[in-house]
Amino acid sequence: MDPQKFTEQLSAEGFDEIFTTTLPAKKQLAAHTHPYAVKALVTDGNVTLGVEGRLTTYRTGEVFTMAPGCEHTELYGETGVSYVVGRKHP
């Protein structure tokens, strides 16, 4: 999906904070939660998310979502990851 169209979709779905971010290669974040919903489109690289003991890798062009309070881990790929992300605060 085109990042601009994805941004428009996020806005239409009520995501109130939308931005692009780039995260460093091989960085790992321990289990944590966010108080907001997340929806993101990977635009470069990859990220592996661990949710309920299951690891899923998202690559360029793929979208991931998380509900508020979803406990997860994050591991950024060999070249890091960039994505367009929307946050929907309660």
Protein backbone atom coordinates (compact mmCIF):
# COMPACT_ATOMS: atom_id res chain seq x y z
CA MET A 1 0.00 0.00 0.00
CA ASP A 2 1.14 3.52 -0.76
CA PRO A 3 2.22 5.37 2.43
CA GLN A 4 0.15 8.45 1.53
CA LYS A 5 -3.00 6.36 1.05
CA PHE A 6 -2.26 4.52 4.28
CA THR A 7 -1.97 7.86 6.10
CA GLU A 8 -5.33 8.90 4.68
CA GLN A 9 -6.83 5.59 5.76
CA LEU A 10 -5.49 6.03 9.31
CA SER A 11 -7.02 9.48 9.49
CA ALA A 12 -10.37 8.19 8.22
CA GLU A 13 -10.27 5.44 10.86
CA GLY A 14 -9.85 7.99 13.65
CA PHE A 15 -6.15 7.62 14.43
CA ASP A 16 -5.30 10.94 16.08
CA GLU A 17 -1.49 10.71 15.98
CA ILE A 18 0.15 9.74 12.66
CA PHE A 19 3.87 9.86 11.91
CA THR A 20 6.78 8.11 10.18
CA THR A 21 9.60 6.63 12.22
CA THR A 22 12.88 4.80 11.61
CA LEU A 23 14.30 2.50 14.27
CA PRO A 24 17.84 1.11 14.54
CA ALA A 25 19.08 -2.28 13.36
CA LYS A 26 18.90 -5.23 15.73
CA LYS A 27 17.49 -3.25 18.65
CA GLN A 28 15.25 -5.26 20.94
CA LEU A 29 12.59 -3.96 23.32
CA ALA A 30 11.47 -6.06 26.27
CA ALA A 31 7.80 -6.80 26.92
CA HIS A 32 5.75 -3.63 27.27
CA THR A 33 2.32 -2.16 26.50
CA HIS A 34 0.89 1.06 25.09
CA PRO A 35 -2.27 2.82 26.31
CA TYR A 36 -3.39 3.40 22.69
CA ALA A 37 -4.23 1.33 19.60
CA VAL A 38 -1.52 1.02 16.93
CA LYS A 39 -1.72 0.43 13.20
CA ALA A 40 1.45 0.61 11.11
CA LEU A 41 2.65 0.06 7.54
CA VAL A 42 6.25 -1.15 7.23
CA THR A 43 7.91 0.96 4.53
CA ASP A 44 11.48 -0.42 4.81
CA GLY A 45 13.19 -3.27 6.63
CA ASN A 46 11.32 -5.48 9.08
CA VAL A 47 10.17 -5.81 12.66
CA THR A 48 9.38 -8.94 14.67
CA LEU A 49 6.65 -8.59 17.26
CA GLY A 50 6.14 -11.10 20.04
CA VAL A 51 2.56 -11.36 21.29
CA GLU A 52 1.33 -14.12 23.62
CA GLY A 53 4.47 -16.17 23.00
CA ARG A 54 4.13 -16.01 19.21
CA LEU A 55 6.68 -14.18 17.04
CA THR A 56 5.52 -12.59 13.77
CA THR A 57 7.80 -10.74 11.36
CA TYR A 58 6.37 -7.86 9.34
CA ARG A 59 8.21 -6.81 6.19
CA THR A 60 8.02 -3.93 3.73
CA GLY A 61 4.45 -3.47 2.54
CA GLU A 62 2.84 -5.32 5.46
CA VAL A 63 0.55 -3.83 8.10
CA PHE A 64 0.39 -4.70 11.79
CA THR A 65 -2.10 -3.68 14.46
CA MET A 66 -2.20 -3.79 18.25
CA ALA A 67 -5.01 -3.09 20.65
CA PRO A 68 -4.44 -0.81 23.65
CA GLY A 69 -2.75 -2.71 26.47
CA CYS A 70 -1.45 -5.52 24.21
CA GLU A 71 1.76 -6.79 25.83
CA HIS A 72 4.45 -7.31 23.19
CA THR A 73 8.18 -7.39 22.44
CA GLU A 74 9.87 -5.76 19.45
CA LEU A 75 12.99 -6.77 17.51
CA TYR A 76 14.12 -4.62 14.58
CA GLY A 77 15.69 -6.34 11.56
CA GLU A 78 19.25 -6.45 10.24
CA THR A 79 18.86 -3.02 8.61
CA GLY A 80 16.37 -1.60 11.09
CA VAL A 81 12.80 -0.72 10.23
CA SER A 82 10.83 2.28 9.03
CA TYR A 83 7.08 2.57 9.18
CA VAL A 84 4.13 4.90 9.01
CA VAL A 85 2.28 4.50 12.28
CA GLY A 86 -1.03 5.67 13.64
CA ARG A 87 -1.93 5.85 17.30
CA LYS A 88 -5.55 6.03 18.43
CA HIS A 89 -5.86 7.31 21.97
CA PRO A 90 -8.92 6.38 24.04
